[in-house]
Amino acid sequence: MPVLKPFKGYRANPELADKVACRPYDVLSSEEAREEAKGNPFSFLHVIKSEIDLPENIDIHTQPVYDKAIENLKKFITEGTLVQDNKPCYYVYAQTMFGKTQYGIVGGAFIEDYENNLIKKHELTRPDKEEDRMIHIRETNFNAEPVFFAFPDHKEIDIIIEDVILLPPVVDFIAVDGIGHQLWVVDNEAKVERLEYLFKNEVPCLYVADGHHRTAAASRVGAEKRAKNPNHTGTEEYNFFLSVNFPASQLRIIDYYRLLIDLNGLSTSEFVEKLKTG
């Protein structure tokens, strides 16, 4: 069963959270990121798409881009835009979209669970995207973006979440796209210990809903560090990566379209029949 580890998270200063928040690195181009971050020095795009602070013609996969990400991340931390919790915690993250709210547990997923297929995948990765995020993680030594996992519903985990969200969230804002974001810190030791136990002993597996490239990249970085450490124990921070884990029943499956350019010799009707059989 999968491990989900509490950790000392870096969180946006609550007064700046709505300015720090940004879209994921892979849903907008460099040009779009420059436009979105214009006039906002707090946007996390300065870390995950740091080419926006460099000349427009720069190759986004070159070392100066990763160096800029390191520089910007250090600045965010030293200036207090990001603040680290002083003890290992879990977090409850709520996202409200189309009038529906889903609540997930934020924790550190275990790279060995990915390697051993306790974290289930459903798509292949593109080598260039995987390599880019691997270098970003390796160079910054930071999981800058979480992956989105689903897990089979578990009543006691639901009850813990319901109890946590009775308190006011530490972050609560609606982004420019109309999506609501809330965050609670789970630092109660009894709750932390119980959540760790439940995931390790009663949740059979995790499913990648979004973030195959980030998951693969984090796993590769962890494997690299493991190979270089003769005293590896499996408890080192490099063995874990940032994930948000949502109960499956809370998720809304949204239409996703792909363009086919070749039916591999099949007629349209034959292709449709193949889809029906999986």
C-alpha atoms as a PDB file:
ATOM      1  CA  MET A   1       0.000   0.000   0.000  1.00  0.00           C
ATOM      2  CA  PRO A   2       1.261   3.507  -0.778  1.00  0.00           C
ATOM      3  CA  VAL A   3       3.152   5.803   1.557  1.00  0.00           C
ATOM      4  CA  LEU A   4       2.013   9.399   1.970  1.00  0.00           C
ATOM      5  CA  LYS A   5       4.456  11.345   4.099  1.00  0.00           C
ATOM      6  CA  PRO A   6       3.851  14.547   6.099  1.00  0.00           C
ATOM      7  CA  PHE A   7       6.395  17.252   5.346  1.00  0.00           C
ATOM      8  CA  LYS A   8       7.469  20.798   6.197  1.00  0.00           C
ATOM      9  CA  GLY A   9       5.779  22.550   3.325  1.00  0.00           C
ATOM     10  CA  TYR A  10       6.592  25.924   1.833  1.00  0.00           C
ATOM     11  CA  ARG A  11       3.351  27.919   1.609  1.00  0.00           C
ATOM     12  CA  ALA A  12       2.587  31.248   0.041  1.00  0.00           C
ATOM     13  CA  ASN A  13       2.315  34.104   2.500  1.00  0.00           C
ATOM     14  CA  PRO A  14      -1.494  34.201   2.992  1.00  0.00           C
ATOM     15  CA  GLU A  15      -1.567  37.904   2.121  1.00  0.00           C
ATOM     16  CA  LEU A  16       0.058  37.142  -1.234  1.00  0.00           C
ATOM     17  CA  ALA A  17      -1.457  33.750  -2.054  1.00  0.00           C
ATOM     18  CA  ASP A  18      -3.764  35.050  -4.783  1.00  0.00           C
ATOM     19  CA  LYS A  19      -0.802  36.775  -6.449  1.00  0.00           C
ATOM     20  CA  VAL A  20       1.537  33.779  -6.119  1.00  0.00           C
ATOM     21  CA  ALA A  21      -0.985  31.323  -7.569  1.00  0.00           C
ATOM     22  CA  CYS A  22      -0.642  30.604 -11.266  1.00  0.00           C
ATOM     23  CA  ARG A  23      -1.575  28.034 -13.860  1.00  0.00           C
ATOM     24  CA  PRO A  24       0.579  24.881 -14.310  1.00  0.00           C
ATOM     25  CA  TYR A  25       3.766  25.157 -16.337  1.00  0.00           C
ATOM     26  CA  ASP A  26       2.513  23.026 -19.224  1.00  0.00           C
ATOM     27  CA  VAL A  27      -0.782  24.735 -20.046  1.00  0.00           C
ATOM     28  CA  LEU A  28       0.617  28.018 -21.305  1.00  0.00           C
ATOM     29  CA  SER A  29       3.415  29.068 -23.630  1.00  0.00           C
ATOM     30  CA  SER A  30       6.333  31.258 -22.654  1.00  0.00           C
ATOM     31  CA  GLU A  31       4.629  34.204 -24.322  1.00  0.00           C
ATOM     32  CA  GLU A  32       1.394  33.591 -22.442  1.00  0.00           C
ATOM     33  CA  ALA A  33       3.326  33.219 -19.182  1.00  0.00           C
ATOM     34  CA  ARG A  34       5.094  36.554 -19.760  1.00  0.00           C
ATOM     35  CA  GLU A  35       1.761  38.245 -20.321  1.00  0.00           C
ATOM     36  CA  GLU A  36       0.127  36.568 -17.319  1.00  0.00           C
ATOM     37  CA  ALA A  37       2.973  37.494 -14.937  1.00  0.00           C
ATOM     38  CA  LYS A  38       3.372  41.044 -16.260  1.00  0.00           C
ATOM     39  CA  GLY A  39       3.409  43.493 -13.364  1.00  0.00           C
ATOM     40  CA  ASN A  40       3.227  40.698 -10.782  1.00  0.00           C
ATOM     41  CA  PRO A  41       6.619  39.945  -9.191  1.00  0.00           C
ATOM     42  CA  PHE A  42       4.968  37.376  -6.890  1.00  0.00           C
ATOM     43  CA  SER A  43       3.640  35.066  -9.624  1.00  0.00           C
ATOM     44  CA  PHE A  44       5.023  31.547  -9.242  1.00  0.00           C
ATOM     45  CA  LEU A  45       5.502  31.550 -13.014  1.00  0.00           C
ATOM     46  CA  HIS A  46       8.838  33.228 -12.209  1.00  0.00           C
ATOM     47  CA  VAL A  47       9.890  29.847 -10.773  1.00  0.00           C
ATOM     48  CA  ILE A  48       8.163  27.264 -12.963  1.00  0.00           C
ATOM     49  CA  LYS A  49       8.591  29.191 -16.238  1.00  0.00           C
ATOM     50  CA  SER A  50      11.603  31.311 -15.375  1.00  0.00           C
ATOM     51  CA  GLU A  51      12.377  32.024 -19.034  1.00  0.00           C
ATOM     52  CA  ILE A  52       9.875  34.888 -18.689  1.00  0.00           C
ATOM     53  CA  ASP A  53      12.642  36.854 -16.916  1.00  0.00           C
ATOM     54  CA  LEU A  54      15.172  36.232 -19.688  1.00  0.00           C
ATOM     55  CA  PRO A  55      15.435  37.355 -23.342  1.00  0.00           C
ATOM     56  CA  GLU A  56      12.501  36.157 -25.424  1.00  0.00           C
ATOM     57  CA  ASN A  57      14.639  34.168 -27.874  1.00  0.00           C
ATOM     58  CA  ILE A  58      16.290  32.003 -25.213  1.00  0.00           C
ATOM     59  CA  ASP A  59      16.143  28.206 -25.496  1.00  0.00           C
ATOM     60  CA  ILE A  60      13.894  27.265 -22.565  1.00  0.00           C
ATOM     61  CA  HIS A  61      15.800  24.019 -21.991  1.00  0.00           C
ATOM     62  CA  THR A  62      19.189  25.633 -21.342  1.00  0.00           C
ATOM     63  CA  GLN A  63      21.033  26.113 -18.052  1.00  0.00           C
ATOM     64  CA  PRO A  64      20.394  29.877 -17.714  1.00  0.00           C
ATOM     65  CA  VAL A  65      16.659  29.147 -17.458  1.00  0.00           C
ATOM     66  CA  TYR A  66      17.162  26.676 -14.602  1.00  0.00           C
ATOM     67  CA  ASP A  67      19.637  29.042 -12.929  1.00  0.00           C
ATOM     68  CA  LYS A  68      17.008  31.782 -13.075  1.00  0.00           C
ATOM     69  CA  ALA A  69      14.473  29.443 -11.478  1.00  0.00           C
ATOM     70  CA  ILE A  70      16.890  28.812  -8.604  1.00  0.00           C
ATOM     71  CA  GLU A  71      17.517  32.554  -8.202  1.00  0.00           C
ATOM     72  CA  ASN A  72      13.805  33.399  -8.215  1.00  0.00           C
ATOM     73  CA  LEU A  73      12.927  30.603  -5.802  1.00  0.00           C
ATOM     74  CA  LYS A  74      15.602  31.699  -3.323  1.00  0.00           C
ATOM     75  CA  LYS A  75      14.294  35.259  -3.576  1.00  0.00           C
ATOM     76  CA  PHE A  76      10.731  34.116  -2.857  1.00  0.00           C
ATOM     77  CA  ILE A  77      11.955  32.330   0.269  1.00  0.00           C
ATOM     78  CA  THR A  78      14.324  35.006   1.599  1.00  0.00           C
ATOM     79  CA  GLU A  79      11.785  37.793   1.052  1.00  0.00           C
ATOM     80  CA  GLY A  80       8.972  35.862   2.729  1.00  0.00           C
ATOM     81  CA  THR A  81       6.775  35.279  -0.299  1.00  0.00           C
ATOM     82  CA  LEU A  82       7.079  31.586   0.590  1.00  0.00           C
ATOM     83  CA  VAL A  83       7.216  30.533   4.238  1.00  0.00           C
ATOM     84  CA  GLN A  84       8.094  27.045   5.506  1.00  0.00           C
ATOM     85  CA  ASP A  85       6.189  25.300   8.278  1.00  0.00           C
ATOM     86  CA  ASN A  86       8.328  24.344  11.263  1.00  0.00           C
ATOM     87  CA  LYS A  87       7.157  20.750  11.618  1.00  0.00           C
ATOM     88  CA  PRO A  88       5.914  17.986   9.299  1.00  0.00           C
ATOM     89  CA  CYS A  89       2.274  18.469   8.362  1.00  0.00           C
ATOM     90  CA  TYR A  90      -0.345  17.330   5.950  1.00  0.00           C
ATOM     91  CA  TYR A  91      -2.525  19.893   4.212  1.00  0.00           C
ATOM     92  CA  VAL A  92      -6.097  19.860   2.990  1.00  0.00           C
ATOM     93  CA  TYR A  93      -6.516  21.625  -0.339  1.00  0.00           C
ATOM     94  CA  ALA A  94      -9.971  22.464  -1.673  1.00  0.00           C
ATOM     95  CA  GLN A  95     -10.719  23.433  -5.244  1.00  0.00           C
ATOM     96  CA  THR A  96     -14.127  24.759  -6.263  1.00  0.00           C
ATOM     97  CA  MET A  97     -15.018  24.662  -9.946  1.00  0.00           C
ATOM     98  CA  PHE A  98     -18.387  24.643 -11.740  1.00  0.00           C
ATOM     99  CA  GLY A  99     -20.112  24.887  -8.350  1.00  0.00           C
ATOM    100  CA  LYS A 100     -18.495  21.684  -7.044  1.00  0.00           C
ATOM    101  CA  THR A 101     -15.808  21.499  -4.333  1.00  0.00           C
ATOM    102  CA  GLN A 102     -13.318  18.669  -3.949  1.00  0.00           C
ATOM    103  CA  TYR A 103     -11.034  18.202  -0.943  1.00  0.00           C
ATOM    104  CA  GLY A 104      -7.612  16.581  -1.209  1.00  0.00           C
ATOM    105  CA  ILE A 105      -4.819  15.594   1.151  1.00  0.00           C
ATOM    106  CA  VAL A 106      -1.438  17.125   0.304  1.00  0.00           C
ATOM    107  CA  GLY A 107       1.545  14.955   1.207  1.00  0.00           C
ATOM    108  CA  GLY A 108       4.775  13.418  -0.030  1.00  0.00           C
ATOM    109  CA  ALA A 109       4.277  10.460  -2.381  1.00  0.00           C
ATOM    110  CA  PHE A 110       6.953   7.737  -2.358  1.00  0.00           C
ATOM    111  CA  ILE A 111       9.046   7.171  -5.497  1.00  0.00           C
ATOM    112  CA  GLU A 112       9.274   3.440  -4.817  1.00  0.00           C
ATOM    113  CA  ASP A 113       5.478   3.244  -4.987  1.00  0.00           C
ATOM    114  CA  TYR A 114       5.724   4.715  -8.483  1.00  0.00           C
ATOM    115  CA  GLU A 115       8.428   2.226  -9.427  1.00  0.00           C
ATOM    116  CA  ASN A 116       6.408  -0.675  -7.983  1.00  0.00           C
ATOM    117  CA  ASN A 117       3.122   0.362  -9.632  1.00  0.00           C
ATOM    118  CA  LEU A 118       1.314   1.250  -6.426  1.00  0.00           C
ATOM    119  CA  ILE A 119       0.914   4.598  -8.147  1.00  0.00           C
ATOM    120  CA  LYS A 120      -1.061   3.704 -11.273  1.00  0.00           C
ATOM    121  CA  LYS A 121      -0.423   5.414 -14.608  1.00  0.00           C
ATOM    122  CA  HIS A 122      -2.692   5.649 -17.622  1.00  0.00           C
ATOM    123  CA  GLU A 123      -0.596   7.412 -20.241  1.00  0.00           C
ATOM    124  CA  LEU A 124       2.905   7.497 -21.662  1.00  0.00           C
ATOM    125  CA  THR A 125       5.196  10.495 -21.157  1.00  0.00           C
ATOM    126  CA  ARG A 126       6.997  12.644 -23.685  1.00  0.00           C
ATOM    127  CA  PRO A 127      10.778  12.417 -23.167  1.00  0.00           C
ATOM    128  CA  ASP A 128      11.369  16.152 -23.694  1.00  0.00           C
ATOM    129  CA  LYS A 129       8.787  17.234 -21.097  1.00  0.00           C
ATOM    130  CA  GLU A 130       9.935  14.602 -18.620  1.00  0.00           C
ATOM    131  CA  GLU A 131      13.578  15.646 -19.058  1.00  0.00           C
ATOM    132  CA  ASP A 132      12.736  19.332 -18.583  1.00  0.00           C
ATOM    133  CA  ARG A 133      10.893  18.779 -15.301  1.00  0.00           C
ATOM    134  CA  MET A 134      13.570  16.351 -14.106  1.00  0.00           C
ATOM    135  CA  ILE A 135      16.257  18.995 -14.581  1.00  0.00           C
ATOM    136  CA  HIS A 136      14.040  21.631 -12.948  1.00  0.00           C
ATOM    137  CA  ILE A 137      13.565  19.445  -9.855  1.00  0.00           C
ATOM    138  CA  ARG A 138      17.234  18.453  -9.735  1.00  0.00           C
ATOM    139  CA  GLU A 139      18.537  22.005 -10.134  1.00  0.00           C
ATOM    140  CA  THR A 140      16.120  23.727  -7.759  1.00  0.00           C
ATOM    141  CA  ASN A 141      16.037  20.795  -5.297  1.00  0.00           C
ATOM    142  CA  PHE A 142      12.352  21.651  -4.970  1.00  0.00           C
ATOM    143  CA  ASN A 143       9.027  20.113  -5.996  1.00  0.00           C
ATOM    144  CA  ALA A 144       7.567  23.296  -7.404  1.00  0.00           C
ATOM    145  CA  GLU A 145       4.235  21.816  -8.514  1.00  0.00           C
ATOM    146  CA  PRO A 146       2.158  18.980  -7.084  1.00  0.00           C
ATOM    147  CA  VAL A 147       0.876  16.010  -9.030  1.00  0.00           C
ATOM    148  CA  PHE A 148      -2.829  15.225  -8.881  1.00  0.00           C
ATOM    149  CA  PHE A 149      -3.677  11.740  -7.603  1.00  0.00           C
ATOM    150  CA  ALA A 150      -6.972  10.003  -6.909  1.00  0.00           C
ATOM    151  CA  PHE A 151      -7.523   7.239  -4.368  1.00  0.00           C
ATOM    152  CA  PRO A 152     -10.442   4.919  -3.506  1.00  0.00           C
ATOM    153  CA  ASP A 153     -12.851   6.498  -1.044  1.00  0.00           C
ATOM    154  CA  HIS A 154     -12.070   5.897   2.615  1.00  0.00           C
ATOM    155  CA  LYS A 155     -14.633   6.835   5.269  1.00  0.00           C
ATOM    156  CA  GLU A 156     -12.208   7.674   8.078  1.00  0.00           C
ATOM    157  CA  ILE A 157     -10.093   9.895   5.831  1.00  0.00           C
ATOM    158  CA  ASP A 158     -13.307  11.693   4.846  1.00  0.00           C
ATOM    159  CA  ILE A 159     -14.137  12.214   8.532  1.00  0.00           C
ATOM    160  CA  ILE A 160     -10.677  13.651   9.249  1.00  0.00           C
ATOM    161  CA  ILE A 161     -11.027  16.074   6.329  1.00  0.00           C
ATOM    162  CA  GLU A 162     -14.506  17.087   7.475  1.00  0.00           C
ATOM    163  CA  ASP A 163     -13.106  17.847  10.924  1.00  0.00           C
ATOM    164  CA  VAL A 164     -10.164  19.858   9.565  1.00  0.00           C
ATOM    165  CA  ILE A 165     -12.321  22.117   7.393  1.00  0.00           C
ATOM    166  CA  LEU A 166     -14.469  23.177  10.352  1.00  0.00           C
ATOM    167  CA  LEU A 167     -11.696  25.696  11.068  1.00  0.00           C
ATOM    168  CA  PRO A 168     -11.050  28.744   8.876  1.00  0.00           C
ATOM    169  CA  PRO A 169      -8.614  28.035   6.020  1.00  0.00           C
ATOM    170  CA  VAL A 170      -5.177  29.678   6.027  1.00  0.00           C
ATOM    171  CA  VAL A 171      -5.633  30.476   2.329  1.00  0.00           C
ATOM    172  CA  ASP A 172      -8.957  31.352   0.695  1.00  0.00           C
ATOM    173  CA  PHE A 173      -9.337  33.143  -2.628  1.00  0.00           C
ATOM    174  CA  ILE A 174     -11.023  32.979  -6.007  1.00  0.00           C
ATOM    175  CA  ALA A 175      -8.619  33.152  -8.949  1.00  0.00           C
ATOM    176  CA  VAL A 176      -9.166  35.271 -12.037  1.00  0.00           C
ATOM    177  CA  ASP A 177     -10.600  32.240 -13.860  1.00  0.00           C
ATOM    178  CA  GLY A 178     -13.333  31.909 -11.220  1.00  0.00           C
ATOM    179  CA  ILE A 179     -11.908  28.800  -9.555  1.00  0.00           C
ATOM    180  CA  GLY A 180     -11.858  28.858  -5.745  1.00  0.00           C
ATOM    181  CA  HIS A 181      -8.837  27.738  -3.737  1.00  0.00           C
ATOM    182  CA  GLN A 182      -8.629  27.002  -0.013  1.00  0.00           C
ATOM    183  CA  LEU A 183      -5.915  25.464   2.160  1.00  0.00           C
ATOM    184  CA  TRP A 184      -5.860  24.123   5.713  1.00  0.00           C
ATOM    185  CA  VAL A 185      -2.761  23.021   7.637  1.00  0.00           C
ATOM    186  CA  VAL A 186      -3.068  19.640   9.391  1.00  0.00           C
ATOM    187  CA  ASP A 187      -0.493  19.922  12.179  1.00  0.00           C
ATOM    188  CA  ASN A 188      -2.371  18.079  14.932  1.00  0.00           C
ATOM    189  CA  GLU A 189      -0.054  15.192  15.773  1.00  0.00           C
ATOM    190  CA  ALA A 190      -2.840  12.654  16.291  1.00  0.00           C
ATOM    191  CA  LYS A 191      -4.395  13.492  12.901  1.00  0.00           C
ATOM    192  CA  VAL A 192      -1.001  13.433  11.176  1.00  0.00           C
ATOM    193  CA  GLU A 193      -0.156  10.010  12.620  1.00  0.00           C
ATOM    194  CA  ARG A 194      -3.576   8.621  11.758  1.00  0.00           C
ATOM    195  CA  LEU A 195      -3.506   9.846   8.158  1.00  0.00           C
ATOM    196  CA  GLU A 196      -0.029   8.400   7.671  1.00  0.00           C
ATOM    197  CA  TYR A 197      -1.233   5.056   9.055  1.00  0.00           C
ATOM    198  CA  LEU A 198      -4.413   4.969   6.952  1.00  0.00           C
ATOM    199  CA  PHE A 199      -2.635   5.611   3.653  1.00  0.00           C
ATOM    200  CA  LYS A 200       0.081   3.087   4.438  1.00  0.00           C
ATOM    201  CA  ASN A 201      -2.275   0.345   5.652  1.00  0.00           C
ATOM    202  CA  GLU A 202      -5.749   0.856   4.201  1.00  0.00           C
ATOM    203  CA  VAL A 203      -5.465   2.709   0.873  1.00  0.00           C
ATOM    204  CA  PRO A 204      -4.620   0.096  -1.784  1.00  0.00           C
ATOM    205  CA  CYS A 205      -3.106   2.405  -4.409  1.00  0.00           C
ATOM    206  CA  LEU A 206      -3.025   5.883  -5.911  1.00  0.00           C
ATOM    207  CA  TYR A 207      -3.990   6.830  -9.471  1.00  0.00           C
ATOM    208  CA  VAL A 208      -2.331   9.587 -11.501  1.00  0.00           C
ATOM    209  CA  ALA A 209      -5.126  11.908 -12.575  1.00  0.00           C
ATOM    210  CA  ASP A 210      -2.805  14.646 -13.853  1.00  0.00           C
ATOM    211  CA  GLY A 211       0.959  15.012 -13.684  1.00  0.00           C
ATOM    212  CA  HIS A 212       2.499  11.970 -15.359  1.00  0.00           C
ATOM    213  CA  HIS A 213       5.560  13.973 -16.436  1.00  0.00           C
ATOM    214  CA  ARG A 214       6.100  15.520 -12.997  1.00  0.00           C
ATOM    215  CA  THR A 215       5.690  12.114 -11.347  1.00  0.00           C
ATOM    216  CA  ALA A 216       8.162  10.437 -13.702  1.00  0.00           C
ATOM    217  CA  ALA A 217      10.605  13.329 -13.346  1.00  0.00           C
ATOM    218  CA  ALA A 218      10.509  13.270  -9.542  1.00  0.00           C
ATOM    219  CA  SER A 219      11.003   9.517  -9.561  1.00  0.00           C
ATOM    220  CA  ARG A 220      14.050   9.825 -11.809  1.00  0.00           C
ATOM    221  CA  VAL A 221      15.632  12.505  -9.620  1.00  0.00           C
ATOM    222  CA  GLY A 222      15.033  10.395  -6.529  1.00  0.00           C
ATOM    223  CA  ALA A 223      16.564   7.355  -8.209  1.00  0.00           C
ATOM    224  CA  GLU A 224      19.634   9.408  -9.157  1.00  0.00           C
ATOM    225  CA  LYS A 225      20.131  10.609  -5.598  1.00  0.00           C
ATOM    226  CA  ARG A 226      19.538   7.112  -4.240  1.00  0.00           C
ATOM    227  CA  ALA A 227      22.244   5.700  -6.510  1.00  0.00           C
ATOM    228  CA  LYS A 228      24.730   8.327  -5.326  1.00  0.00           C
ATOM    229  CA  ASN A 229      24.066   7.748  -1.624  1.00  0.00           C
ATOM    230  CA  PRO A 230      25.894   4.683  -0.230  1.00  0.00           C
ATOM    231  CA  ASN A 231      24.015   5.130   3.058  1.00  0.00           C
ATOM    232  CA  HIS A 232      20.560   5.292   1.480  1.00  0.00           C
ATOM    233  CA  THR A 233      17.776   4.313   3.905  1.00  0.00           C
ATOM    234  CA  GLY A 234      14.602   5.196   2.002  1.00  0.00           C
ATOM    235  CA  THR A 235      13.627   7.922   4.454  1.00  0.00           C
ATOM    236  CA  GLU A 236      15.563  10.762   2.798  1.00  0.00           C
ATOM    237  CA  GLU A 237      13.571  13.694   1.416  1.00  0.00           C
ATOM    238  CA  TYR A 238      14.552  12.854  -2.163  1.00  0.00           C
ATOM    239  CA  ASN A 239      12.436   9.698  -1.918  1.00  0.00           C
ATOM    240  CA  PHE A 240       9.230  11.757  -1.833  1.00  0.00           C
ATOM    241  CA  PHE A 241       7.497  14.230  -4.100  1.00  0.00           C
ATOM    242  CA  LEU A 242       4.606  16.659  -3.767  1.00  0.00           C
ATOM    243  CA  SER A 243       1.134  15.251  -4.406  1.00  0.00           C
ATOM    244  CA  VAL A 244      -2.499  16.219  -3.835  1.00  0.00           C
ATOM    245  CA  ASN A 245      -4.694  13.170  -3.278  1.00  0.00           C
ATOM    246  CA  PHE A 246      -8.449  13.381  -3.861  1.00  0.00           C
ATOM    247  CA  PRO A 247     -11.112  10.770  -3.006  1.00  0.00           C
ATOM    248  CA  ALA A 248     -12.316   9.292  -6.284  1.00  0.00           C
ATOM    249  CA  SER A 249     -16.009  10.029  -5.673  1.00  0.00           C
ATOM    250  CA  GLN A 250     -15.326  13.774  -5.444  1.00  0.00           C
ATOM    251  CA  LEU A 251     -13.756  14.032  -8.865  1.00  0.00           C
ATOM    252  CA  ARG A 252     -15.534  15.314 -11.932  1.00  0.00           C
ATOM    253  CA  ILE A 253     -14.365  13.791 -15.199  1.00  0.00           C
ATOM    254  CA  ILE A 254     -14.155  16.518 -17.834  1.00  0.00           C
ATOM    255  CA  ASP A 255     -14.215  15.874 -21.579  1.00  0.00           C
ATOM    256  CA  TYR A 256     -10.762  15.711 -23.133  1.00  0.00           C
ATOM    257  CA  TYR A 257     -10.265  15.638 -26.880  1.00  0.00           C
ATOM    258  CA  ARG A 258      -7.372  14.392 -28.965  1.00  0.00           C
ATOM    259  CA  LEU A 259      -6.851  14.713 -32.702  1.00  0.00           C
ATOM    260  CA  LEU A 260      -6.218  11.484 -34.624  1.00  0.00           C
ATOM    261  CA  ILE A 261      -4.271  11.655 -37.871  1.00  0.00           C
ATOM    262  CA  ASP A 262      -4.105   7.913 -38.625  1.00  0.00           C
ATOM    263  CA  LEU A 263      -6.483   5.015 -37.859  1.00  0.00           C
ATOM    264  CA  ASN A 264      -3.694   2.461 -38.440  1.00  0.00           C
ATOM    265  CA  GLY A 265      -5.427   0.864 -41.416  1.00  0.00           C
ATOM    266  CA  LEU A 266      -8.825   0.520 -39.748  1.00  0.00           C
ATOM    267  CA  SER A 267     -12.078   1.874 -41.092  1.00  0.00           C
ATOM    268  CA  THR A 268     -13.958   4.366 -38.917  1.00  0.00           C
ATOM    269  CA  SER A 269     -16.453   1.715 -37.779  1.00  0.00           C
ATOM    270  CA  GLU A 270     -13.656  -0.775 -37.032  1.00  0.00           C
ATOM    271  CA  PHE A 271     -11.824   1.844 -35.017  1.00  0.00           C
ATOM    272  CA  VAL A 272     -14.923   2.634 -32.958  1.00  0.00           C
ATOM    273  CA  GLU A 273     -15.426  -1.072 -32.244  1.00  0.00           C
ATOM    274  CA  LYS A 274     -11.806  -1.342 -31.061  1.00  0.00           C
ATOM    275  CA  LEU A 275     -12.416   1.557 -28.654  1.00  0.00           C
ATOM    276  CA  LYS A 276     -15.462  -0.233 -27.224  1.00  0.00           C
ATOM    277  CA  THR A 277     -13.360  -3.276 -26.332  1.00  0.00           C
ATOM    278  CA  GLY A 278     -10.619  -1.182 -24.724  1.00  0.00           C
END
